[in-house]
Every structure is written in C-alpha cells, then in structure tokens.
C-alpha cells in the first residue's frame, strides 16, 4: 500500500502478520498452512 510506504520495515510487517495469524483458531491456521504448501508445490513444479 503506497500510502504506508516507509512506515513499517519488512521485519515489522512480518511481526504484525504473525501476530494476526496467531490469533486465528488452530484449524484455520492449519488450513492456511496447507494452502501455502500447495501453492509452493505448484510454483516449484512450474519452474
């Protein structure tokens, strides 16, 4: 988001997103992690 450019460092952004994800129910976190694994596998297969 250009309006926020330079407000947070990449490290701070990761920390905020990690905190938000930690608030999700365990089942939602597991599903999200599985979606990320599948996406990564497709990306690697396409290379």
N, C-alpha and C. Protein backbone atom coordinates (compact mmCIF):
# COMPACT_ATOMS: atom_id res chain seq x y z
N UNK A 1 0.84 -1.17 0.00
CA UNK A 1 0.00 0.00 0.00
C UNK A 1 0.90 1.24 0.00
N UNK A 2 0.96 1.93 -1.10
CA UNK A 2 1.86 3.06 -1.24
C UNK A 2 1.73 4.12 -0.14
N UNK A 3 0.55 4.34 0.37
CA UNK A 3 0.38 5.36 1.40
C UNK A 3 1.15 5.02 2.67
N UNK A 4 1.46 3.75 2.87
CA UNK A 4 2.17 3.32 4.07
C UNK A 4 3.63 3.01 3.80
N UNK A 5 4.09 3.29 2.60
CA UNK A 5 5.48 3.00 2.25
C UNK A 5 6.42 3.73 3.22
N UNK A 6 7.35 2.98 3.77
CA UNK A 6 8.33 3.56 4.67
C UNK A 6 7.85 3.68 6.12
N UNK A 7 6.60 3.34 6.41
CA UNK A 7 6.09 3.44 7.77
C UNK A 7 6.55 2.25 8.60
N UNK A 8 6.47 1.05 8.01
CA UNK A 8 6.92 -0.15 8.69
C UNK A 8 8.03 -0.81 7.88
N UNK A 9 8.97 -1.40 8.57
CA UNK A 9 10.00 -2.17 7.88
C UNK A 9 9.42 -3.53 7.50
N UNK A 10 10.10 -4.25 6.64
CA UNK A 10 9.64 -5.59 6.28
C UNK A 10 9.55 -6.47 7.52
N UNK A 11 10.52 -6.34 8.41
CA UNK A 11 10.54 -7.13 9.65
C UNK A 11 9.31 -6.81 10.52
N UNK A 12 8.94 -5.55 10.60
CA UNK A 12 7.77 -5.15 11.38
C UNK A 12 6.47 -5.67 10.75
N UNK A 13 6.42 -5.65 9.42
CA UNK A 13 5.24 -6.17 8.73
C UNK A 13 5.07 -7.65 9.01
N UNK A 14 6.16 -8.40 8.93
CA UNK A 14 6.11 -9.84 9.23
C UNK A 14 5.65 -10.06 10.67
N UNK A 15 6.13 -9.24 11.60
CA UNK A 15 5.74 -9.37 13.00
C UNK A 15 4.24 -9.11 13.18
N UNK A 16 3.72 -8.11 12.53
CA UNK A 16 2.29 -7.81 12.63
C UNK A 16 1.45 -8.94 12.05
N UNK A 17 1.84 -9.42 10.87
CA UNK A 17 1.09 -10.51 10.24
C UNK A 17 1.17 -11.79 11.06
N UNK A 18 2.33 -12.04 11.66
CA UNK A 18 2.49 -13.22 12.52
C UNK A 18 1.59 -13.13 13.74
N UNK A 19 1.49 -11.95 14.31
CA UNK A 19 0.61 -11.75 15.47
C UNK A 19 -0.84 -12.00 15.07
N UNK A 20 -1.25 -11.45 13.94
CA UNK A 20 -2.63 -11.64 13.48
C UNK A 20 -2.92 -13.12 13.26
N UNK A 21 -2.02 -13.80 12.58
CA UNK A 21 -2.22 -15.22 12.31
C UNK A 21 -2.28 -16.02 13.61
N UNK A 22 -1.51 -15.63 14.60
CA UNK A 22 -1.51 -16.34 15.89
C UNK A 22 -2.86 -16.23 16.60
N UNK A 23 -3.66 -15.25 16.22
CA UNK A 23 -4.99 -15.09 16.83
C UNK A 23 -6.04 -15.98 16.19
N UNK A 24 -5.73 -16.56 15.03
CA UNK A 24 -6.68 -17.42 14.34
C UNK A 24 -6.85 -18.73 15.10
N UNK A 25 -8.01 -19.34 14.99
CA UNK A 25 -8.19 -20.69 15.57
C UNK A 25 -7.21 -21.67 14.92
N UNK A 26 -6.81 -22.69 15.65
CA UNK A 26 -5.83 -23.67 15.15
C UNK A 26 -6.26 -24.27 13.82
N UNK A 27 -7.52 -24.60 13.67
CA UNK A 27 -7.99 -25.21 12.43
C UNK A 27 -7.80 -24.27 11.24
N UNK A 28 -8.01 -23.01 11.43
CA UNK A 28 -7.83 -22.03 10.36
C UNK A 28 -6.35 -21.90 10.01
N UNK A 29 -5.50 -21.87 11.02
CA UNK A 29 -4.04 -21.79 10.77
C UNK A 29 -3.57 -23.01 9.99
N UNK A 30 -4.06 -24.20 10.37
CA UNK A 30 -3.65 -25.42 9.66
C UNK A 30 -4.10 -25.37 8.20
N UNK A 31 -5.32 -24.92 7.97
CA UNK A 31 -5.83 -24.84 6.59
C UNK A 31 -5.01 -23.82 5.78
N UNK A 32 -4.69 -22.70 6.38
CA UNK A 32 -3.89 -21.68 5.71
C UNK A 32 -2.51 -22.22 5.37
N UNK A 33 -1.89 -22.92 6.31
CA UNK A 33 -0.57 -23.52 6.07
C UNK A 33 -0.63 -24.54 4.93
N UNK A 34 -1.70 -25.33 4.89
CA UNK A 34 -1.85 -26.31 3.81
C UNK A 34 -2.02 -25.61 2.46
N UNK A 35 -2.78 -24.54 2.42
CA UNK A 35 -2.93 -23.78 1.18
C UNK A 35 -1.58 -23.23 0.72
N UNK A 36 -0.79 -22.73 1.65
CA UNK A 36 0.54 -22.22 1.30
C UNK A 36 1.44 -23.32 0.77
N UNK A 37 1.38 -24.52 1.38
CA UNK A 37 2.19 -25.65 0.91
C UNK A 37 1.81 -26.03 -0.52
N UNK A 38 0.51 -26.09 -0.79
CA UNK A 38 0.07 -26.45 -2.13
C UNK A 38 0.50 -25.40 -3.16
N UNK A 39 0.37 -24.14 -2.80
CA UNK A 39 0.80 -23.07 -3.70
C UNK A 39 2.29 -23.18 -3.99
N UNK A 40 3.09 -23.42 -2.95
CA UNK A 40 4.54 -23.54 -3.13
C UNK A 40 4.88 -24.73 -4.02
N UNK A 41 4.20 -25.84 -3.85
CA UNK A 41 4.44 -27.01 -4.69
C UNK A 41 4.13 -26.70 -6.15
N UNK A 42 3.03 -25.99 -6.40
CA UNK A 42 2.69 -25.64 -7.78
C UNK A 42 3.73 -24.69 -8.38
N UNK A 43 4.20 -23.77 -7.56
CA UNK A 43 5.23 -22.83 -8.05
C UNK A 43 6.51 -23.59 -8.42
N UNK A 44 6.90 -24.52 -7.58
CA UNK A 44 8.13 -25.28 -7.84
C UNK A 44 7.97 -26.18 -9.07
N UNK A 45 6.79 -26.76 -9.24
CA UNK A 45 6.54 -27.63 -10.39
C UNK A 45 6.56 -26.84 -11.70
N UNK A 46 6.18 -25.57 -11.64
CA UNK A 46 6.13 -24.73 -12.85
C UNK A 46 7.51 -24.26 -13.28
N UNK A 47 8.47 -24.35 -12.41
CA UNK A 47 9.84 -23.85 -12.74
C UNK A 47 10.59 -24.81 -13.60
